[in-house]
Amino acid sequence: MTSEAYKQGEQVRRDVLGSERVDATMKDPDDFSYAMMEVTTEFAWGQIWTRPAIDRRTRSFMTLAMLAALNRPHEIAVHVQGALNNGLTREEIKEIFLHVLPYCGAPAAIDATAVAKKVFEELDAK
């Protein structure tokens, strides 16, 4: 892809998630999921995350809350790292998931907390 939105989206992905993660998802252009990555990069990262009215820190905050509400552990793990890169603290991430509890239920909040804890442990081990 060479659209301006894609280029901007790829840069935002790299800024938020890290180049290592982005490179890993882009390594095999014949991979079954590559088309999904292209569309996501152009639309979500290039057209939504680049909008100026909400900063990246706030977008990470919202993203973690929504992913926890939807109980999407794989994406939570990815976005916990991104949230840290965007300036959220571990304490704030914990509070996001506590806030999910009364509105979305204990299973979603507990799972999200467990995923974040695992990410923190992996980061601390490095």
N, C-alpha and C. Protein backbone atom coordinates (compact mmCIF):
# COMPACT_ATOMS: atom_id res chain seq x y z
N MET A 1 0.84 -1.18 0.00
CA MET A 1 0.00 0.00 0.00
C MET A 1 0.88 1.24 0.00
N THR A 2 0.43 2.25 -0.70
CA THR A 2 1.22 3.47 -0.76
C THR A 2 0.38 4.72 -0.51
N SER A 3 -0.87 4.58 -0.08
CA SER A 3 -1.68 5.77 0.18
C SER A 3 -1.07 6.56 1.33
N GLU A 4 -1.39 7.83 1.38
CA GLU A 4 -0.88 8.68 2.46
C GLU A 4 -1.40 8.20 3.82
N ALA A 5 -2.66 7.78 3.87
CA ALA A 5 -3.23 7.28 5.12
C ALA A 5 -2.49 6.02 5.58
N TYR A 6 -2.12 5.15 4.63
CA TYR A 6 -1.37 3.96 5.00
C TYR A 6 0.00 4.33 5.56
N LYS A 7 0.69 5.24 4.88
CA LYS A 7 2.02 5.66 5.35
C LYS A 7 1.95 6.26 6.75
N GLN A 8 0.99 7.13 6.95
CA GLN A 8 0.82 7.73 8.28
C GLN A 8 0.44 6.66 9.30
N GLY A 9 -0.43 5.75 8.91
CA GLY A 9 -0.86 4.67 9.80
C GLY A 9 0.29 3.77 10.21
N GLU A 10 1.15 3.45 9.26
CA GLU A 10 2.30 2.62 9.59
C GLU A 10 3.22 3.33 10.58
N GLN A 11 3.40 4.63 10.40
CA GLN A 11 4.25 5.37 11.33
C GLN A 11 3.64 5.42 12.73
N VAL A 12 2.33 5.63 12.80
CA VAL A 12 1.67 5.64 14.11
C VAL A 12 1.78 4.27 14.76
N ARG A 13 1.55 3.21 14.01
CA ARG A 13 1.70 1.85 14.54
C ARG A 13 3.10 1.66 15.11
N ARG A 14 4.11 2.10 14.38
CA ARG A 14 5.49 1.96 14.85
C ARG A 14 5.72 2.78 16.12
N ASP A 15 5.20 3.99 16.15
CA ASP A 15 5.35 4.84 17.32
C ASP A 15 4.69 4.23 18.55
N VAL A 16 3.50 3.68 18.36
CA VAL A 16 2.72 3.17 19.48
C VAL A 16 3.14 1.75 19.87
N LEU A 17 3.22 0.86 18.90
CA LEU A 17 3.44 -0.55 19.20
C LEU A 17 4.90 -0.98 19.12
N GLY A 18 5.72 -0.18 18.48
CA GLY A 18 7.13 -0.52 18.31
C GLY A 18 7.38 -1.16 16.96
N SER A 19 8.52 -0.83 16.38
CA SER A 19 8.86 -1.35 15.05
C SER A 19 9.00 -2.86 15.03
N GLU A 20 9.50 -3.44 16.11
CA GLU A 20 9.68 -4.90 16.15
C GLU A 20 8.34 -5.61 15.94
N ARG A 21 7.31 -5.14 16.62
CA ARG A 21 5.98 -5.75 16.49
C ARG A 21 5.42 -5.53 15.09
N VAL A 22 5.55 -4.31 14.57
CA VAL A 22 5.03 -4.00 13.25
C VAL A 22 5.75 -4.83 12.19
N ASP A 23 7.07 -4.89 12.28
CA ASP A 23 7.84 -5.68 11.31
C ASP A 23 7.42 -7.15 11.33
N ALA A 24 7.14 -7.67 12.51
CA ALA A 24 6.73 -9.07 12.62
C ALA A 24 5.41 -9.32 11.91
N THR A 25 4.49 -8.35 11.96
CA THR A 25 3.20 -8.55 11.30
C THR A 25 3.27 -8.32 9.79
N MET A 26 4.36 -7.70 9.33
CA MET A 26 4.48 -7.37 7.91
C MET A 26 5.48 -8.25 7.18
N LYS A 27 6.04 -9.24 7.85
CA LYS A 27 7.16 -9.99 7.27
C LYS A 27 6.78 -10.89 6.10
N ASP A 28 5.56 -11.34 6.04
CA ASP A 28 5.17 -12.28 4.98
C ASP A 28 4.01 -11.71 4.18
N PRO A 29 4.28 -11.04 3.06
CA PRO A 29 3.20 -10.42 2.29
C PRO A 29 2.23 -11.43 1.66
N ASP A 30 2.55 -12.69 1.67
CA ASP A 30 1.63 -13.70 1.14
C ASP A 30 0.81 -14.34 2.25
N ASP A 31 1.06 -13.92 3.47
CA ASP A 31 0.35 -14.48 4.61
C ASP A 31 -1.15 -14.20 4.49
N PHE A 32 -1.95 -15.12 4.98
CA PHE A 32 -3.41 -15.03 4.93
C PHE A 32 -3.93 -13.74 5.55
N SER A 33 -3.31 -13.28 6.62
CA SER A 33 -3.82 -12.12 7.34
C SER A 33 -3.23 -10.79 6.88
N TYR A 34 -2.37 -10.80 5.89
CA TYR A 34 -1.70 -9.58 5.45
C TYR A 34 -2.69 -8.52 4.96
N ALA A 35 -3.71 -8.92 4.23
CA ALA A 35 -4.71 -7.96 3.73
C ALA A 35 -5.42 -7.27 4.89
N MET A 36 -5.69 -8.00 5.96
CA MET A 36 -6.33 -7.41 7.14
C MET A 36 -5.41 -6.38 7.77
N MET A 37 -4.12 -6.68 7.83
CA MET A 37 -3.14 -5.75 8.39
C MET A 37 -3.09 -4.48 7.55
N GLU A 38 -3.13 -4.61 6.25
CA GLU A 38 -3.09 -3.43 5.37
C GLU A 38 -4.29 -2.51 5.61
N VAL A 39 -5.47 -3.10 5.64
CA VAL A 39 -6.69 -2.32 5.82
C VAL A 39 -6.71 -1.69 7.21
N THR A 40 -6.32 -2.44 8.21
CA THR A 40 -6.28 -1.91 9.57
C THR A 40 -5.28 -0.77 9.69
N THR A 41 -4.12 -0.93 9.07
CA THR A 41 -3.10 0.11 9.11
C THR A 41 -3.62 1.39 8.45
N GLU A 42 -4.24 1.26 7.30
CA GLU A 42 -4.72 2.44 6.59
C GLU A 42 -5.91 3.09 7.30
N PHE A 43 -6.87 2.28 7.72
CA PHE A 43 -8.09 2.85 8.30
C PHE A 43 -7.92 3.22 9.77
N ALA A 44 -7.70 2.22 10.62
CA ALA A 44 -7.65 2.49 12.06
C ALA A 44 -6.47 3.38 12.44
N TRP A 45 -5.29 2.99 11.99
CA TRP A 45 -4.09 3.73 12.37
C TRP A 45 -3.90 4.99 11.53
N GLY A 46 -4.22 4.94 10.25
CA GLY A 46 -3.95 6.07 9.37
C GLY A 46 -5.05 7.11 9.31
N GLN A 47 -6.29 6.68 9.49
CA GLN A 47 -7.39 7.64 9.40
C GLN A 47 -7.99 7.99 10.76
N ILE A 48 -7.89 7.11 11.73
CA ILE A 48 -8.50 7.38 13.04
C ILE A 48 -7.46 7.84 14.06
N TRP A 49 -6.38 7.08 14.27
CA TRP A 49 -5.38 7.44 15.26
C TRP A 49 -4.66 8.74 14.91
N THR A 50 -4.72 9.19 13.68
CA THR A 50 -4.04 10.42 13.29
C THR A 50 -4.91 11.67 13.42
N ARG A 51 -6.17 11.50 13.77
CA ARG A 51 -7.05 12.66 13.91
C ARG A 51 -6.57 13.50 15.09
N PRO A 52 -6.58 14.82 14.96
CA PRO A 52 -5.94 15.67 15.96
C PRO A 52 -6.76 15.97 17.23
N ALA A 53 -8.03 15.69 17.24
CA ALA A 53 -8.86 16.11 18.38
C ALA A 53 -8.59 15.32 19.66
N ILE A 54 -8.05 14.11 19.53
CA ILE A 54 -7.75 13.27 20.70
C ILE A 54 -6.30 12.82 20.59
N ASP A 55 -5.54 13.02 21.66
CA ASP A 55 -4.13 12.63 21.64
C ASP A 55 -3.97 11.11 21.77
N ARG A 56 -2.78 10.64 21.48
CA ARG A 56 -2.53 9.19 21.49
C ARG A 56 -2.69 8.58 22.88
N ARG A 57 -2.32 9.31 23.90
CA ARG A 57 -2.46 8.80 25.26
C ARG A 57 -3.93 8.50 25.56
N THR A 58 -4.80 9.44 25.21
CA THR A 58 -6.23 9.25 25.43
C THR A 58 -6.77 8.13 24.56
N ARG A 59 -6.29 8.04 23.33
CA ARG A 59 -6.73 6.95 22.45
C ARG A 59 -6.33 5.60 23.04
N SER A 60 -5.13 5.50 23.59
CA SER A 60 -4.72 4.25 24.24
C SER A 60 -5.62 3.93 25.42
N PHE A 61 -5.94 4.94 26.21
CA PHE A 61 -6.83 4.77 27.35
C PHE A 61 -8.17 4.18 26.89
N MET A 62 -8.74 4.81 25.88
CA MET A 62 -10.04 4.35 25.35
C MET A 62 -9.94 2.96 24.75
N THR A 63 -8.87 2.71 24.03
CA THR A 63 -8.69 1.42 23.37
C THR A 63 -8.62 0.30 24.39
N LEU A 64 -7.86 0.50 25.47
CA LEU A 64 -7.79 -0.55 26.51
C LEU A 64 -9.16 -0.80 27.12
N ALA A 65 -9.91 0.25 27.39
CA ALA A 65 -11.24 0.06 27.97
C ALA A 65 -12.16 -0.71 27.03
N MET A 66 -12.12 -0.36 25.75
CA MET A 66 -12.99 -1.04 24.79
C MET A 66 -12.56 -2.50 24.59
N LEU A 67 -11.27 -2.74 24.50
CA LEU A 67 -10.80 -4.11 24.33
C LEU A 67 -11.13 -4.97 25.54
N ALA A 68 -11.02 -4.38 26.72
CA ALA A 68 -11.40 -5.12 27.93
C ALA A 68 -12.89 -5.42 27.92
N ALA A 69 -13.70 -4.43 27.54
CA ALA A 69 -15.14 -4.63 27.48
C ALA A 69 -15.51 -5.75 26.51
N LEU A 70 -14.77 -5.82 25.41
CA LEU A 70 -15.02 -6.86 24.40
C LEU A 70 -14.32 -8.18 24.73
N ASN A 71 -13.50 -8.16 25.78
CA ASN A 71 -12.75 -9.34 26.22
C ASN A 71 -11.89 -9.90 25.08
N ARG A 72 -10.98 -9.06 24.59
CA ARG A 72 -10.08 -9.40 23.49
C ARG A 72 -8.64 -9.47 24.01
N PRO A 73 -8.27 -10.57 24.67
CA PRO A 73 -6.97 -10.63 25.36
C PRO A 73 -5.77 -10.43 24.45
N HIS A 74 -5.79 -10.95 23.24
CA HIS A 74 -4.62 -10.79 22.37
C HIS A 74 -4.38 -9.31 22.08
N GLU A 75 -5.42 -8.60 21.74
CA GLU A 75 -5.29 -7.17 21.44
C GLU A 75 -4.99 -6.36 22.69
N ILE A 76 -5.51 -6.80 23.84
CA ILE A 76 -5.18 -6.11 25.09
C ILE A 76 -3.68 -6.16 25.31
N ALA A 77 -3.08 -7.33 25.12
CA ALA A 77 -1.63 -7.47 25.32
C ALA A 77 -0.86 -6.52 24.41
N VAL A 78 -1.26 -6.42 23.18
CA VAL A 78 -0.61 -5.53 22.23
C VAL A 78 -0.75 -4.07 22.68
N HIS A 79 -1.96 -3.71 23.10
CA HIS A 79 -2.23 -2.31 23.41
C HIS A 79 -1.80 -1.91 24.81
N VAL A 80 -1.55 -2.85 25.71
CA VAL A 80 -0.94 -2.48 27.00
C VAL A 80 0.44 -1.91 26.74
N GLN A 81 1.22 -2.58 25.90
CA GLN A 81 2.54 -2.06 25.55
C GLN A 81 2.41 -0.70 24.87
N GLY A 82 1.46 -0.57 23.96
CA GLY A 82 1.25 0.70 23.29
C GLY A 82 0.85 1.80 24.25
N ALA A 83 0.01 1.46 25.23
CA ALA A 83 -0.42 2.45 26.22
C ALA A 83 0.77 2.94 27.05
N LEU A 84 1.64 2.02 27.42
CA LEU A 84 2.85 2.42 28.14
C LEU A 84 3.70 3.34 27.27
N ASN A 85 3.83 2.99 25.99
CA ASN A 85 4.60 3.83 25.06
C ASN A 85 3.97 5.22 24.91
N ASN A 86 2.66 5.29 25.07
CA ASN A 86 1.94 6.56 24.93
C ASN A 86 1.81 7.31 26.25
N GLY A 87 2.47 6.83 27.29
CA GLY A 87 2.54 7.59 28.53
C GLY A 87 1.62 7.17 29.65
N LEU A 88 0.80 6.14 29.46
CA LEU A 88 -0.01 5.68 30.58
C LEU A 88 0.88 4.94 31.57
N THR A 89 0.50 4.99 32.82
CA THR A 89 1.24 4.26 33.85
C THR A 89 0.58 2.91 34.11
N ARG A 90 1.30 2.04 34.77
CA ARG A 90 0.71 0.76 35.16
C ARG A 90 -0.48 0.98 36.08
N GLU A 91 -0.37 1.95 36.96
CA GLU A 91 -1.48 2.26 37.88
C GLU A 91 -2.71 2.70 37.11
N GLU A 92 -2.54 3.53 36.11
CA GLU A 92 -3.68 3.97 35.30
C GLU A 92 -4.29 2.80 34.53
N ILE A 93 -3.45 1.91 34.01
CA ILE A 93 -3.96 0.74 33.30
C ILE A 93 -4.77 -0.14 34.25
N LYS A 94 -4.28 -0.31 35.46
CA LYS A 94 -5.03 -1.08 36.46
C LYS A 94 -6.39 -0.43 36.71
N GLU A 95 -6.41 0.89 36.82
CA GLU A 95 -7.67 1.60 37.08
C GLU A 95 -8.64 1.50 35.91
N ILE A 96 -8.11 1.47 34.70
CA ILE A 96 -8.99 1.28 33.53
C ILE A 96 -9.74 -0.03 33.67
N PHE A 97 -9.01 -1.09 33.99
CA PHE A 97 -9.64 -2.40 34.07
C PHE A 97 -10.56 -2.52 35.29
N LEU A 98 -10.23 -1.83 36.38
CA LEU A 98 -11.15 -1.79 37.51
C LEU A 98 -12.45 -1.08 37.12
N HIS A 99 -12.33 -0.06 36.31
CA HIS A 99 -13.51 0.69 35.87
C HIS A 99 -14.39 -0.15 34.93
N VAL A 100 -13.78 -1.08 34.24
CA VAL A 100 -14.53 -1.97 33.35
C VAL A 100 -15.43 -2.89 34.17
N LEU A 101 -15.00 -3.25 35.36
CA LEU A 101 -15.71 -4.23 36.19
C LEU A 101 -17.20 -3.92 36.37
N PRO A 102 -17.60 -2.76 36.88
CA PRO A 102 -19.04 -2.57 37.11
C PRO A 102 -19.86 -2.38 35.84
N TYR A 103 -19.21 -2.01 34.75
CA TYR A 103 -19.96 -1.70 33.54
C TYR A 103 -19.99 -2.85 32.53
N CYS A 104 -18.96 -3.71 32.58
CA CYS A 104 -18.86 -4.77 31.58
C CYS A 104 -18.77 -6.16 32.20
N GLY A 105 -18.58 -6.24 33.49
CA GLY A 105 -18.58 -7.51 34.17
C GLY A 105 -17.21 -7.96 34.63
N ALA A 106 -17.25 -8.80 35.63
CA ALA A 106 -16.02 -9.30 36.24
C ALA A 106 -15.16 -10.12 35.28
N PRO A 107 -15.73 -11.02 34.47
CA PRO A 107 -14.85 -11.81 33.59
C PRO A 107 -13.99 -10.95 32.67
N ALA A 108 -14.58 -9.93 32.08
CA ALA A 108 -13.82 -9.05 31.19
C ALA A 108 -12.74 -8.31 31.95
N ALA A 109 -13.06 -7.77 33.11
CA ALA A 109 -12.09 -7.01 33.90
C ALA A 109 -10.98 -7.91 34.43
N ILE A 110 -11.33 -9.08 34.88
CA ILE A 110 -10.33 -10.01 35.42
C ILE A 110 -9.39 -10.48 34.32
N ASP A 111 -9.95 -10.84 33.17
CA ASP A 111 -9.10 -11.28 32.06
C ASP A 111 -8.16 -10.18 31.61
N ALA A 112 -8.66 -8.96 31.49
CA ALA A 112 -7.83 -7.84 31.06
C ALA A 112 -6.70 -7.59 32.06
N THR A 113 -7.01 -7.65 33.33
CA THR A 113 -5.99 -7.47 34.37
C THR A 113 -4.94 -8.55 34.29
N ALA A 114 -5.35 -9.77 34.07
CA ALA A 114 -4.40 -10.88 33.97
C ALA A 114 -3.48 -10.71 32.76
N VAL A 115 -4.03 -10.28 31.65
CA VAL A 115 -3.21 -10.06 30.45
C VAL A 115 -2.20 -8.95 30.71
N ALA A 116 -2.66 -7.84 31.29
CA ALA A 116 -1.75 -6.72 31.57
C ALA A 116 -0.65 -7.17 32.52
N LYS A 117 -0.99 -7.93 33.54
CA LYS A 117 0.01 -8.41 34.50
C LYS A 117 1.07 -9.24 33.80
N LYS A 118 0.64 -10.09 32.87
CA LYS A 118 1.60 -10.91 32.11
C LYS A 118 2.52 -10.02 31.27
N VAL A 119 1.97 -9.02 30.62
CA VAL A 119 2.78 -8.09 29.83
C VAL A 119 3.80 -7.39 30.72
N PHE A 120 3.36 -6.92 31.88
CA PHE A 120 4.26 -6.25 32.82
C PHE A 120 5.40 -7.19 33.25
N GLU A 121 5.05 -8.45 33.54
CA GLU A 121 6.08 -9.43 33.95
C GLU A 121 7.08 -9.65 32.84
N GLU A 122 6.61 -9.74 31.59
CA GLU A 122 7.52 -9.92 30.45
C GLU A 122 8.43 -8.71 30.29
N LEU A 123 7.88 -7.53 30.44
CA LEU A 123 8.68 -6.31 30.34
C LEU A 123 9.71 -6.24 31.47
N ASP A 124 9.32 -6.61 32.65
CA ASP A 124 10.25 -6.57 33.79
C ASP A 124 11.36 -7.60 33.65
N ALA A 125 11.08 -8.70 32.96
CA ALA A 125 12.09 -9.74 32.78
C ALA A 125 13.16 -9.35 31.75
N LYS A 126 12.86 -8.36 30.92
CA LYS A 126 13.81 -7.96 29.88
C LYS A 126 14.95 -7.17 30.44
